[in-house]
All heavy atoms as atom14 arrays in JSON, in Angstrom:
{
  "sequence": "LAPADGAFYIYADVSRFTGDSVQLCSKMLQDIGV",
  "atom14_mask": [
    [1, 1, 1, 1, 1, 1, 1, 1, 0, 0, 0, 0, 0, 0],
    [1, 1, 1, 1, 1, 0, 0, 0, 0, 0, 0, 0, 0, 0],
    [1, 1, 1, 1, 1, 1, 1, 0, 0, 0, 0, 0, 0, 0],
    [1, 1, 1, 1, 1, 0, 0, 0, 0, 0, 0, 0, 0, 0],
    [1, 1, 1, 1, 1, 1, 1, 1, 0, 0, 0, 0, 0, 0],
    [1, 1, 1, 1, 0, 0, 0, 0, 0, 0, 0, 0, 0, 0],
    [1, 1, 1, 1, 1, 0, 0, 0, 0, 0, 0, 0, 0, 0],
    [1, 1, 1, 1, 1, 1, 1, 1, 1, 1, 1, 0, 0, 0],
    [1, 1, 1, 1, 1, 1, 1, 1, 1, 1, 1, 1, 0, 0],
    [1, 1, 1, 1, 1, 1, 1, 1, 0, 0, 0, 0, 0, 0],
    [1, 1, 1, 1, 1, 1, 1, 1, 1, 1, 1, 1, 0, 0],
    [1, 1, 1, 1, 1, 0, 0, 0, 0, 0, 0, 0, 0, 0],
    [1, 1, 1, 1, 1, 1, 1, 1, 0, 0, 0, 0, 0, 0],
    [1, 1, 1, 1, 1, 1, 1, 0, 0, 0, 0, 0, 0, 0],
    [1, 1, 1, 1, 1, 1, 0, 0, 0, 0, 0, 0, 0, 0],
    [1, 1, 1, 1, 1, 1, 1, 1, 1, 1, 1, 0, 0, 0],
    [1, 1, 1, 1, 1, 1, 1, 1, 1, 1, 1, 0, 0, 0],
    [1, 1, 1, 1, 1, 1, 1, 0, 0, 0, 0, 0, 0, 0],
    [1, 1, 1, 1, 0, 0, 0, 0, 0, 0, 0, 0, 0, 0],
    [1, 1, 1, 1, 1, 1, 1, 1, 0, 0, 0, 0, 0, 0],
    [1, 1, 1, 1, 1, 1, 0, 0, 0, 0, 0, 0, 0, 0],
    [1, 1, 1, 1, 1, 1, 1, 0, 0, 0, 0, 0, 0, 0],
    [1, 1, 1, 1, 1, 1, 1, 1, 1, 0, 0, 0, 0, 0],
    [1, 1, 1, 1, 1, 1, 1, 1, 0, 0, 0, 0, 0, 0],
    [1, 1, 1, 1, 1, 1, 0, 0, 0, 0, 0, 0, 0, 0],
    [1, 1, 1, 1, 1, 1, 0, 0, 0, 0, 0, 0, 0, 0],
    [1, 1, 1, 1, 1, 1, 1, 1, 1, 0, 0, 0, 0, 0],
    [1, 1, 1, 1, 1, 1, 1, 1, 0, 0, 0, 0, 0, 0],
    [1, 1, 1, 1, 1, 1, 1, 1, 0, 0, 0, 0, 0, 0],
    [1, 1, 1, 1, 1, 1, 1, 1, 1, 0, 0, 0, 0, 0],
    [1, 1, 1, 1, 1, 1, 1, 1, 0, 0, 0, 0, 0, 0],
    [1, 1, 1, 1, 1, 1, 1, 1, 0, 0, 0, 0, 0, 0],
    [1, 1, 1, 1, 0, 0, 0, 0, 0, 0, 0, 0, 0, 0],
    [1, 1, 1, 1, 1, 1, 1, 0, 0, 0, 0, 0, 0, 0]
  ],
  "atom14_positions": [
    [[10.18, -2.89, 2.08], [9.79, -1.66, 2.77], [10.92, -0.68, 2.7], [12.13, -1.07, 2.93], [9.34, -1.9, 4.16], [8.32, -3.09, 4.41], [8.15, -3.29, 5.86], [7.01, -2.7, 3.68], [0.0, 0.0, 0.0], [0.0, 0.0, 0.0], [0.0, 0.0, 0.0], [0.0, 0.0, 0.0], [0.0, 0.0, 0.0], [0.0, 0.0, 0.0]],
    [[10.62, 0.64, 2.45], [11.69, 1.64, 2.57], [12.03, 1.81, 4.06], [11.28, 1.52, 4.98], [11.14, 2.98, 2.04], [0.0, 0.0, 0.0], [0.0, 0.0, 0.0], [0.0, 0.0, 0.0], [0.0, 0.0, 0.0], [0.0, 0.0, 0.0], [0.0, 0.0, 0.0], [0.0, 0.0, 0.0], [0.0, 0.0, 0.0], [0.0, 0.0, 0.0]],
    [[13.28, 2.27, 4.3], [13.73, 2.52, 5.68], [12.78, 3.5, 6.38], [12.63, 4.65, 5.95], [15.08, 3.04, 5.52], [15.58, 2.54, 4.2], [14.38, 2.54, 3.3], [0.0, 0.0, 0.0], [0.0, 0.0, 0.0], [0.0, 0.0, 0.0], [0.0, 0.0, 0.0], [0.0, 0.0, 0.0], [0.0, 0.0, 0.0], [0.0, 0.0, 0.0]],
    [[12.16, 3.03, 7.45], [11.18, 3.85, 8.16], [11.86, 4.51, 9.34], [11.56, 4.18, 10.5], [9.94, 3.04, 8.58], [0.0, 0.0, 0.0], [0.0, 0.0, 0.0], [0.0, 0.0, 0.0], [0.0, 0.0, 0.0], [0.0, 0.0, 0.0], [0.0, 0.0, 0.0], [0.0, 0.0, 0.0], [0.0, 0.0, 0.0], [0.0, 0.0, 0.0]],
    [[12.75, 5.49, 9.11], [13.58, 6.09, 10.22], [12.78, 7.04, 11.06], [13.0, 7.24, 12.2], [14.74, 6.83, 9.58], [15.59, 5.94, 8.73], [15.93, 4.79, 9.09], [15.94, 6.37, 7.57], [0.0, 0.0, 0.0], [0.0, 0.0, 0.0], [0.0, 0.0, 0.0], [0.0, 0.0, 0.0], [0.0, 0.0, 0.0], [0.0, 0.0, 0.0]],
    [[11.73, 7.67, 10.42], [11.02, 8.73, 11.2], [9.66, 8.95, 10.59], [9.18, 8.15, 9.71], [0.0, 0.0, 0.0], [0.0, 0.0, 0.0], [0.0, 0.0, 0.0], [0.0, 0.0, 0.0], [0.0, 0.0, 0.0], [0.0, 0.0, 0.0], [0.0, 0.0, 0.0], [0.0, 0.0, 0.0], [0.0, 0.0, 0.0], [0.0, 0.0, 0.0]],
    [[9.01, 10.07, 11.02], [7.63, 10.47, 10.67], [6.73, 9.31, 11.12], [6.99, 8.68, 12.13], [7.54, 10.65, 9.11], [0.0, 0.0, 0.0], [0.0, 0.0, 0.0], [0.0, 0.0, 0.0], [0.0, 0.0, 0.0], [0.0, 0.0, 0.0], [0.0, 0.0, 0.0], [0.0, 0.0, 0.0], [0.0, 0.0, 0.0], [0.0, 0.0, 0.0]],
    [[5.63, 9.05, 10.43], [4.75, 7.93, 10.81], [4.23, 7.23, 9.52], [2.97, 7.04, 9.41], [3.61, 8.34, 11.7], [3.08, 9.74, 11.56], [2.55, 10.14, 10.38], [3.03, 10.6, 12.66], [2.01, 11.46, 10.26], [2.51, 11.88, 12.53], [1.99, 12.32, 11.34], [0.0, 0.0, 0.0], [0.0, 0.0, 0.0], [0.0, 0.0, 0.0]],
    [[5.2, 6.87, 8.67], [4.8, 6.28, 7.41], [5.67, 5.02, 7.06], [6.83, 4.96, 7.55], [5.11, 7.2, 6.2], [4.36, 8.54, 6.34], [5.09, 9.72, 6.36], [2.94, 8.63, 6.44], [4.36, 10.9, 6.45], [2.3, 9.85, 6.54], [3.08, 10.96, 6.56], [2.42, 12.23, 6.68], [0.0, 0.0, 0.0], [0.0, 0.0, 0.0]],
    [[5.04, 4.11, 6.37], [5.82, 2.97, 5.82], [5.45, 2.94, 4.37], [4.23, 2.92, 4.01], [5.49, 1.65, 6.53], [6.08, 1.64, 7.99], [6.05, 0.45, 5.76], [5.88, 0.44, 8.76], [0.0, 0.0, 0.0], [0.0, 0.0, 0.0], [0.0, 0.0, 0.0], [0.0, 0.0, 0.0], [0.0, 0.0, 0.0], [0.0, 0.0, 0.0]],
    [[6.46, 2.89, 3.5], [6.26, 2.86, 2.04], [6.63, 1.46, 1.63], [7.71, 1.05, 1.73], [7.19, 3.91, 1.46], [6.82, 4.32, 0.04], [5.55, 4.86, -0.22], [7.7, 4.22, -0.99], [5.22, 5.33, -1.51], [7.44, 4.68, -2.31], [6.2, 5.22, -2.55], [5.82, 5.64, -3.82], [0.0, 0.0, 0.0], [0.0, 0.0, 0.0]],
    [[5.58, 0.73, 1.04], [5.73, -0.68, 0.73], [5.59, -0.91, -0.73], [4.74, -0.41, -1.44], [4.63, -1.42, 1.48], [0.0, 0.0, 0.0], [0.0, 0.0, 0.0], [0.0, 0.0, 0.0], [0.0, 0.0, 0.0], [0.0, 0.0, 0.0], [0.0, 0.0, 0.0], [0.0, 0.0, 0.0], [0.0, 0.0, 0.0], [0.0, 0.0, 0.0]],
    [[6.5, -1.78, -1.22], [6.46, -2.24, -2.6], [5.38, -3.38, -2.73], [5.44, -4.32, -2.05], [7.82, -2.84, -2.95], [8.03, -3.27, -4.44], [7.01, -3.63, -5.06], [9.12, -3.21, -4.93], [0.0, 0.0, 0.0], [0.0, 0.0, 0.0], [0.0, 0.0, 0.0], [0.0, 0.0, 0.0], [0.0, 0.0, 0.0], [0.0, 0.0, 0.0]],
    [[4.39, -3.09, -3.63], [3.33, -4.09, -3.84], [3.33, -4.66, -5.2], [2.35, -5.24, -5.61], [1.94, -3.4, -3.55], [1.75, -3.03, -2.07], [1.74, -2.14, -4.44], [0.0, 0.0, 0.0], [0.0, 0.0, 0.0], [0.0, 0.0, 0.0], [0.0, 0.0, 0.0], [0.0, 0.0, 0.0], [0.0, 0.0, 0.0], [0.0, 0.0, 0.0]],
    [[4.49, -4.62, -5.86], [4.54, -5.09, -7.28], [4.25, -6.56, -7.41], [3.85, -7.03, -8.43], [5.92, -4.75, -7.83], [6.99, -5.29, -7.07], [0.0, 0.0, 0.0], [0.0, 0.0, 0.0], [0.0, 0.0, 0.0], [0.0, 0.0, 0.0], [0.0, 0.0, 0.0], [0.0, 0.0, 0.0], [0.0, 0.0, 0.0], [0.0, 0.0, 0.0]],
    [[4.47, -7.34, -6.32], [4.09, -8.78, -6.41], [2.63, -8.97, -6.44], [2.11, -10.04, -6.79], [4.74, -9.5, -5.22], [4.08, -9.2, -3.88], [4.78, -10.01, -2.78], [4.5, -11.48, -2.92], [4.88, -12.29, -1.97], [5.58, -11.98, -0.9], [4.59, -13.61, -2.12], [0.0, 0.0, 0.0], [0.0, 0.0, 0.0], [0.0, 0.0, 0.0]],
    [[1.85, -7.98, -6.06], [0.4, -8.1, -6.05], [-0.32, -7.35, -7.2], [-1.38, -7.72, -7.61], [-0.19, -7.61, -4.69], [0.27, -8.36, -3.56], [1.28, -7.86, -2.68], [-0.31, -9.56, -3.21], [1.68, -8.61, -1.61], [0.11, -10.31, -2.15], [1.13, -9.83, -1.31], [0.0, 0.0, 0.0], [0.0, 0.0, 0.0], [0.0, 0.0, 0.0]],
    [[0.3, -6.25, -7.63], [-0.33, -5.4, -8.59], [0.64, -4.45, -9.34], [1.73, -4.25, -8.86], [-1.39, -4.56, -8.0], [-2.19, -3.8, -8.94], [-0.75, -3.57, -7.02], [0.0, 0.0, 0.0], [0.0, 0.0, 0.0], [0.0, 0.0, 0.0], [0.0, 0.0, 0.0], [0.0, 0.0, 0.0], [0.0, 0.0, 0.0], [0.0, 0.0, 0.0]],
    [[0.23, -4.05, -10.53], [0.92, -2.93, -11.18], [0.15, -1.67, -11.19], [0.37, -0.71, -11.93], [0.0, 0.0, 0.0], [0.0, 0.0, 0.0], [0.0, 0.0, 0.0], [0.0, 0.0, 0.0], [0.0, 0.0, 0.0], [0.0, 0.0, 0.0], [0.0, 0.0, 0.0], [0.0, 0.0, 0.0], [0.0, 0.0, 0.0], [0.0, 0.0, 0.0]],
    [[-0.94, -1.65, -10.33], [-1.86, -0.58, -10.33], [-2.2, -0.27, -8.82], [-3.22, -0.82, -8.34], [-3.14, -0.83, -11.1], [-4.08, 0.32, -11.24], [-3.92, 1.33, -10.47], [-4.96, 0.31, -12.01], [0.0, 0.0, 0.0], [0.0, 0.0, 0.0], [0.0, 0.0, 0.0], [0.0, 0.0, 0.0], [0.0, 0.0, 0.0], [0.0, 0.0, 0.0]],
    [[-1.44, 0.54, -8.2], [-1.65, 0.83, -6.74], [-2.94, 1.57, -6.47], [-3.56, 1.39, -5.42], [-0.46, 1.56, -6.16], [-0.27, 2.82, -6.81], [0.0, 0.0, 0.0], [0.0, 0.0, 0.0], [0.0, 0.0, 0.0], [0.0, 0.0, 0.0], [0.0, 0.0, 0.0], [0.0, 0.0, 0.0], [0.0, 0.0, 0.0], [0.0, 0.0, 0.0]],
    [[-3.41, 2.32, -7.42], [-4.7, 3.02, -7.26], [-5.86, 2.03, -7.15], [-6.64, 2.01, -6.24], [-4.96, 3.96, -8.4], [-6.37, 4.59, -8.27], [-3.93, 5.13, -8.42], [0.0, 0.0, 0.0], [0.0, 0.0, 0.0], [0.0, 0.0, 0.0], [0.0, 0.0, 0.0], [0.0, 0.0, 0.0], [0.0, 0.0, 0.0], [0.0, 0.0, 0.0]],
    [[-5.82, 1.05, -8.07], [-6.9, 0.02, -8.03], [-6.72, -0.83, -6.75], [-7.76, -1.19, -6.13], [-6.77, -0.91, -9.23], [-7.85, -1.93, -9.3], [-7.65, -2.83, -10.53], [-6.62, -3.36, -10.77], [-8.8, -3.01, -11.36], [0.0, 0.0, 0.0], [0.0, 0.0, 0.0], [0.0, 0.0, 0.0], [0.0, 0.0, 0.0], [0.0, 0.0, 0.0]],
    [[-5.5, -1.15, -6.35], [-5.29, -1.98, -5.16], [-5.81, -1.24, -3.9], [-6.55, -1.81, -3.07], [-3.84, -2.28, -4.91], [-3.49, -3.12, -3.73], [-3.99, -4.57, -3.9], [-2.02, -3.13, -3.4], [0.0, 0.0, 0.0], [0.0, 0.0, 0.0], [0.0, 0.0, 0.0], [0.0, 0.0, 0.0], [0.0, 0.0, 0.0], [0.0, 0.0, 0.0]],
    [[-5.57, 0.05, -3.79], [-6.03, 0.81, -2.66], [-7.52, 0.94, -2.64], [-8.11, 0.87, -1.58], [-5.38, 2.22, -2.63], [-3.61, 2.16, -2.31], [0.0, 0.0, 0.0], [0.0, 0.0, 0.0], [0.0, 0.0, 0.0], [0.0, 0.0, 0.0], [0.0, 0.0, 0.0], [0.0, 0.0, 0.0], [0.0, 0.0, 0.0], [0.0, 0.0, 0.0]],
    [[-8.12, 1.15, -3.81], [-9.54, 1.23, -3.9], [-10.23, -0.06, -3.5], [-11.21, -0.08, -2.75], [-9.97, 1.67, -5.29], [-11.39, 1.74, -5.41], [0.0, 0.0, 0.0], [0.0, 0.0, 0.0], [0.0, 0.0, 0.0], [0.0, 0.0, 0.0], [0.0, 0.0, 0.0], [0.0, 0.0, 0.0], [0.0, 0.0, 0.0], [0.0, 0.0, 0.0]],
    [[-9.68, -1.17, -3.89], [-10.28, -2.49, -3.6], [-10.0, -2.79, -2.16], [-10.87, -3.45, -1.47], [-9.66, -3.51, -4.5], [-10.34, -4.9, -4.38], [-9.99, -5.77, -5.57], [-10.51, -7.23, -5.37], [-11.99, -7.2, -5.14], [0.0, 0.0, 0.0], [0.0, 0.0, 0.0], [0.0, 0.0, 0.0], [0.0, 0.0, 0.0], [0.0, 0.0, 0.0]],
    [[-8.9, -2.39, -1.55], [-8.59, -2.66, -0.17], [-9.62, -1.93, 0.69], [-10.16, -2.47, 1.68], [-7.19, -2.15, 0.19], [-6.73, -2.49, 1.61], [-5.13, -1.77, 1.95], [-4.06, -2.49, 0.66], [0.0, 0.0, 0.0], [0.0, 0.0, 0.0], [0.0, 0.0, 0.0], [0.0, 0.0, 0.0], [0.0, 0.0, 0.0], [0.0, 0.0, 0.0]],
    [[-9.91, -0.7, 0.31], [-10.96, 0.04, 1.11], [-12.33, -0.6, 0.96], [-13.11, -0.79, 1.9], [-11.03, 1.47, 0.59], [-12.01, 2.36, 1.25], [-11.86, 2.51, 2.77], [-12.0, 3.8, 0.58], [0.0, 0.0, 0.0], [0.0, 0.0, 0.0], [0.0, 0.0, 0.0], [0.0, 0.0, 0.0], [0.0, 0.0, 0.0], [0.0, 0.0, 0.0]],
    [[-12.64, -0.99, -0.24], [-13.98, -1.53, -0.52], [-14.12, -2.96, 0.15], [-15.17, -3.24, 0.78], [-14.13, -1.79, -2.03], [-15.45, -2.52, -2.48], [-15.43, -2.71, -3.96], [-14.96, -1.94, -4.72], [-16.11, -3.77, -4.35], [0.0, 0.0, 0.0], [0.0, 0.0, 0.0], [0.0, 0.0, 0.0], [0.0, 0.0, 0.0], [0.0, 0.0, 0.0]],
    [[-13.06, -3.76, 0.18], [-13.2, -5.14, 0.67], [-13.03, -5.21, 2.12], [-13.75, -5.98, 2.79], [-12.15, -5.99, -0.06], [-12.49, -6.29, -1.49], [-13.51, -5.78, -1.94], [-11.61, -6.95, -2.2], [0.0, 0.0, 0.0], [0.0, 0.0, 0.0], [0.0, 0.0, 0.0], [0.0, 0.0, 0.0], [0.0, 0.0, 0.0], [0.0, 0.0, 0.0]],
    [[-12.01, -4.52, 2.73], [-11.69, -4.69, 4.12], [-11.72, -3.45, 4.95], [-11.34, -3.47, 6.17], [-10.34, -5.46, 4.34], [-9.23, -4.65, 3.69], [-10.42, -6.82, 3.74], [-7.84, -5.24, 4.06], [0.0, 0.0, 0.0], [0.0, 0.0, 0.0], [0.0, 0.0, 0.0], [0.0, 0.0, 0.0], [0.0, 0.0, 0.0], [0.0, 0.0, 0.0]],
    [[-12.06, -2.31, 4.37], [-12.2, -1.08, 5.07], [-10.9, -0.51, 5.58], [-10.88, 0.21, 6.6], [0.0, 0.0, 0.0], [0.0, 0.0, 0.0], [0.0, 0.0, 0.0], [0.0, 0.0, 0.0], [0.0, 0.0, 0.0], [0.0, 0.0, 0.0], [0.0, 0.0, 0.0], [0.0, 0.0, 0.0], [0.0, 0.0, 0.0], [0.0, 0.0, 0.0]],
    [[-9.75, -0.8, 4.91], [-8.52, -0.17, 5.28], [-8.15, 0.83, 4.24], [-7.96, 0.51, 3.07], [-7.38, -1.25, 5.37], [-6.01, -0.6, 5.63], [-7.72, -2.25, 6.5], [0.0, 0.0, 0.0], [0.0, 0.0, 0.0], [0.0, 0.0, 0.0], [0.0, 0.0, 0.0], [0.0, 0.0, 0.0], [0.0, 0.0, 0.0], [0.0, 0.0, 0.0]]
  ]
}
């Protein structure tokens, strides 16, 4: 995770799961509603 010093965001490396974050996000919304 990137240092989350402020704002209200966490930026996470998902390379262990995918090389296509668009597809991962779409499937996450479809499967679990996040």
